[in-house]
Amino acid sequence: MDPSMLIAFLIRDEADWLAWRKTVTAVQGKAIIHVHDKEPTYQGVGGGVERQSAIDEVEVFGDTDEEDGENGDAA
C-alpha cells in the first residue's frame, strides 16, 4: 500500500468511537472508510486468511530515482 494513502484517527474513549462510527457510516456517496462488526469475507476467503498469491502482486521500488548514479549522486 502506498504510505500516502494511510490515515489515522485518534479515538480516546468509547464515546469518541461511537460518535466517529456514526459519522463515518452516515456519509453520503461512495464510502472510502468501511466499519464492520466482524472481520469481512472477501472473494470467498474468510477468517482473515490472506491469499497465498498476494505477495506475488507486491511491487518493489528502489529508494533512489532512476536519474541517480550508483552512489545516489545526480547523473
N, C-alpha and C. Protein backbone atom coordinates (compact mmCIF):
# COMPACT_ATOMS: atom_id res chain seq x y z
N MET A 1 0.85 -1.17 0.00
CA MET A 1 0.00 0.00 0.00
C MET A 1 0.89 1.23 0.00
N ASP A 2 0.50 2.22 -0.73
CA ASP A 2 1.20 3.49 -0.80
C ASP A 2 1.05 4.21 0.54
N PRO A 3 2.17 4.55 1.22
CA PRO A 3 2.07 5.20 2.53
C PRO A 3 1.29 6.52 2.49
N SER A 4 1.25 7.19 1.34
CA SER A 4 0.49 8.44 1.27
C SER A 4 -1.01 8.18 1.34
N MET A 5 -1.41 6.92 1.26
CA MET A 5 -2.83 6.57 1.33
C MET A 5 -3.26 6.21 2.75
N LEU A 6 -2.31 6.20 3.68
CA LEU A 6 -2.64 5.82 5.06
C LEU A 6 -3.20 7.01 5.82
N ILE A 7 -4.09 6.74 6.73
CA ILE A 7 -4.71 7.78 7.53
C ILE A 7 -4.96 7.19 8.93
N ALA A 8 -4.94 8.04 9.94
CA ALA A 8 -5.15 7.57 11.31
C ALA A 8 -6.22 8.43 11.98
N PHE A 9 -6.86 7.86 12.96
CA PHE A 9 -7.87 8.56 13.73
C PHE A 9 -7.55 8.39 15.21
N LEU A 10 -7.61 9.47 15.96
CA LEU A 10 -7.40 9.41 17.40
C LEU A 10 -8.76 9.26 18.07
N ILE A 11 -8.99 8.09 18.65
CA ILE A 11 -10.25 7.81 19.33
C ILE A 11 -9.89 7.56 20.78
N ARG A 12 -10.32 8.44 21.66
CA ARG A 12 -9.87 8.42 23.05
C ARG A 12 -10.68 7.51 23.96
N ASP A 13 -11.95 7.33 23.65
CA ASP A 13 -12.78 6.50 24.52
C ASP A 13 -13.96 5.95 23.72
N GLU A 14 -14.81 5.20 24.39
CA GLU A 14 -15.94 4.58 23.70
C GLU A 14 -16.90 5.60 23.12
N ALA A 15 -17.09 6.72 23.82
CA ALA A 15 -17.98 7.77 23.30
C ALA A 15 -17.42 8.34 21.99
N ASP A 16 -16.10 8.57 21.93
CA ASP A 16 -15.47 9.02 20.69
C ASP A 16 -15.67 7.99 19.58
N TRP A 17 -15.48 6.70 19.93
CA TRP A 17 -15.65 5.62 18.96
C TRP A 17 -17.07 5.61 18.39
N LEU A 18 -18.06 5.69 19.26
CA LEU A 18 -19.45 5.65 18.80
C LEU A 18 -19.79 6.86 17.93
N ALA A 19 -19.31 8.04 18.33
CA ALA A 19 -19.55 9.24 17.53
C ALA A 19 -18.85 9.16 16.18
N TRP A 20 -17.58 8.70 16.17
CA TRP A 20 -16.83 8.57 14.92
C TRP A 20 -17.50 7.57 13.99
N ARG A 21 -17.89 6.43 14.54
CA ARG A 21 -18.52 5.40 13.72
C ARG A 21 -19.84 5.89 13.12
N LYS A 22 -20.64 6.60 13.92
CA LYS A 22 -21.91 7.14 13.42
C LYS A 22 -21.66 8.13 12.29
N THR A 23 -20.66 8.99 12.46
CA THR A 23 -20.35 9.99 11.44
C THR A 23 -19.85 9.33 10.16
N VAL A 24 -18.96 8.36 10.28
CA VAL A 24 -18.38 7.70 9.11
C VAL A 24 -19.43 6.92 8.34
N THR A 25 -20.31 6.25 9.02
CA THR A 25 -21.32 5.44 8.33
C THR A 25 -22.46 6.28 7.76
N ALA A 26 -22.57 7.54 8.18
CA ALA A 26 -23.63 8.41 7.68
C ALA A 26 -23.22 9.22 6.45
N VAL A 27 -22.00 9.07 5.98
CA VAL A 27 -21.51 9.83 4.83
C VAL A 27 -22.29 9.45 3.58
N GLN A 28 -22.72 10.46 2.84
CA GLN A 28 -23.45 10.21 1.59
C GLN A 28 -22.44 9.99 0.47
N GLY A 29 -22.81 9.21 -0.52
CA GLY A 29 -21.93 8.94 -1.65
C GLY A 29 -21.11 7.69 -1.44
N LYS A 30 -20.06 7.55 -2.24
CA LYS A 30 -19.21 6.36 -2.17
C LYS A 30 -18.30 6.42 -0.95
N ALA A 31 -18.41 5.44 -0.10
CA ALA A 31 -17.63 5.40 1.13
C ALA A 31 -16.19 5.00 0.84
N ILE A 32 -15.25 5.66 1.52
CA ILE A 32 -13.85 5.25 1.42
C ILE A 32 -13.39 4.60 2.71
N ILE A 33 -14.22 4.70 3.75
CA ILE A 33 -13.95 4.06 5.03
C ILE A 33 -15.12 3.13 5.33
N HIS A 34 -14.82 1.89 5.64
CA HIS A 34 -15.85 0.91 5.94
C HIS A 34 -15.64 0.39 7.36
N VAL A 35 -16.70 0.35 8.14
CA VAL A 35 -16.65 -0.16 9.51
C VAL A 35 -17.53 -1.40 9.57
N HIS A 36 -16.95 -2.50 10.05
CA HIS A 36 -17.67 -3.77 10.13
C HIS A 36 -17.76 -4.23 11.58
N ASP A 37 -18.83 -4.93 11.90
CA ASP A 37 -18.98 -5.51 13.24
C ASP A 37 -18.07 -6.72 13.45
N LYS A 38 -17.72 -7.39 12.36
CA LYS A 38 -16.81 -8.53 12.43
C LYS A 38 -15.95 -8.50 11.17
N GLU A 39 -14.90 -9.29 11.15
CA GLU A 39 -14.00 -9.30 10.01
C GLU A 39 -14.74 -9.73 8.76
N PRO A 40 -14.69 -8.91 7.70
CA PRO A 40 -15.44 -9.23 6.48
C PRO A 40 -14.81 -10.38 5.71
N THR A 41 -15.61 -10.98 4.85
CA THR A 41 -15.16 -12.05 3.97
C THR A 41 -15.00 -11.47 2.57
N TYR A 42 -13.83 -11.64 1.99
CA TYR A 42 -13.58 -11.13 0.64
C TYR A 42 -13.33 -12.28 -0.32
N GLN A 43 -13.96 -12.25 -1.45
CA GLN A 43 -13.78 -13.22 -2.53
C GLN A 43 -13.83 -14.66 -2.02
N GLY A 44 -14.75 -14.91 -1.11
CA GLY A 44 -14.92 -16.28 -0.62
C GLY A 44 -13.89 -16.71 0.40
N VAL A 45 -12.99 -15.81 0.79
CA VAL A 45 -11.97 -16.14 1.78
C VAL A 45 -12.39 -15.48 3.09
N GLY A 46 -12.48 -16.24 4.15
CA GLY A 46 -12.94 -15.67 5.42
C GLY A 46 -11.98 -15.92 6.55
N GLY A 47 -12.27 -15.33 7.68
CA GLY A 47 -11.48 -15.55 8.86
C GLY A 47 -10.09 -14.94 8.84
N GLY A 48 -9.90 -13.92 7.99
CA GLY A 48 -8.61 -13.25 7.95
C GLY A 48 -7.53 -14.02 7.22
N VAL A 49 -7.91 -14.99 6.43
CA VAL A 49 -6.94 -15.78 5.68
C VAL A 49 -6.53 -15.00 4.43
N GLU A 50 -5.24 -14.69 4.33
CA GLU A 50 -4.75 -13.96 3.18
C GLU A 50 -4.60 -14.89 1.99
N ARG A 51 -4.71 -14.31 0.81
CA ARG A 51 -4.48 -15.11 -0.40
C ARG A 51 -2.99 -15.42 -0.50
N GLN A 52 -2.65 -16.64 -0.76
CA GLN A 52 -1.25 -17.05 -0.87
C GLN A 52 -0.53 -16.33 -2.00
N SER A 53 -1.25 -15.98 -3.07
CA SER A 53 -0.62 -15.33 -4.22
C SER A 53 -0.49 -13.82 -4.05
N ALA A 54 -1.01 -13.25 -2.97
CA ALA A 54 -0.98 -11.80 -2.79
C ALA A 54 0.44 -11.26 -2.76
N ILE A 55 1.37 -11.97 -2.18
CA ILE A 55 2.76 -11.49 -2.11
C ILE A 55 3.36 -11.34 -3.50
N ASP A 56 2.91 -12.13 -4.45
CA ASP A 56 3.41 -12.03 -5.82
C ASP A 56 2.94 -10.76 -6.52
N GLU A 57 1.92 -10.11 -5.97
CA GLU A 57 1.37 -8.90 -6.58
C GLU A 57 2.03 -7.62 -6.05
N VAL A 58 2.92 -7.75 -5.07
CA VAL A 58 3.57 -6.59 -4.47
C VAL A 58 4.63 -6.07 -5.41
N GLU A 59 4.63 -4.74 -5.65
CA GLU A 59 5.65 -4.12 -6.47
C GLU A 59 6.68 -3.48 -5.56
N VAL A 60 7.95 -3.73 -5.84
CA VAL A 60 9.03 -3.18 -5.04
C VAL A 60 9.69 -2.08 -5.84
N PHE A 61 9.86 -0.93 -5.21
CA PHE A 61 10.51 0.21 -5.85
C PHE A 61 11.78 0.53 -5.08
N GLY A 62 12.81 1.01 -5.77
CA GLY A 62 14.06 1.39 -5.14
C GLY A 62 13.92 2.70 -4.38
N ASP A 63 14.92 2.98 -3.54
CA ASP A 63 14.92 4.22 -2.76
C ASP A 63 15.47 5.41 -3.53
N THR A 64 16.11 5.17 -4.67
CA THR A 64 16.70 6.26 -5.44
C THR A 64 15.94 6.45 -6.74
N ASP A 65 16.03 7.64 -7.29
CA ASP A 65 15.40 7.92 -8.57
C ASP A 65 16.22 7.29 -9.68
N GLU A 66 15.61 7.07 -10.83
CA GLU A 66 16.32 6.49 -11.97
C GLU A 66 17.44 7.39 -12.45
N GLU A 67 17.31 8.70 -12.21
CA GLU A 67 18.31 9.66 -12.65
C GLU A 67 19.55 9.62 -11.79
N ASP A 68 19.50 9.05 -10.60
CA ASP A 68 20.64 8.99 -9.70
C ASP A 68 21.67 8.00 -10.21
N GLY A 69 22.93 8.29 -9.92
CA GLY A 69 24.01 7.37 -10.25
C GLY A 69 24.08 6.25 -9.25
N GLU A 70 25.10 5.42 -9.32
CA GLU A 70 25.24 4.30 -8.40
C GLU A 70 25.40 4.75 -6.96
N ASN A 71 26.01 5.91 -6.72
CA ASN A 71 26.25 6.40 -5.36
C ASN A 71 25.14 7.31 -4.88
N GLY A 72 24.05 7.38 -5.64
CA GLY A 72 22.95 8.27 -5.27
C GLY A 72 23.17 9.70 -5.72
N ASP A 73 24.32 9.95 -6.42
CA ASP A 73 24.59 11.28 -6.94
C ASP A 73 23.83 11.49 -8.23
N ALA A 74 23.43 12.72 -8.47
CA ALA A 74 22.73 13.02 -9.72
C ALA A 74 23.66 12.75 -10.89
N ALA A 75 23.15 12.12 -11.91
CA ALA A 75 23.97 11.76 -13.08
C ALA A 75 24.22 12.96 -13.97
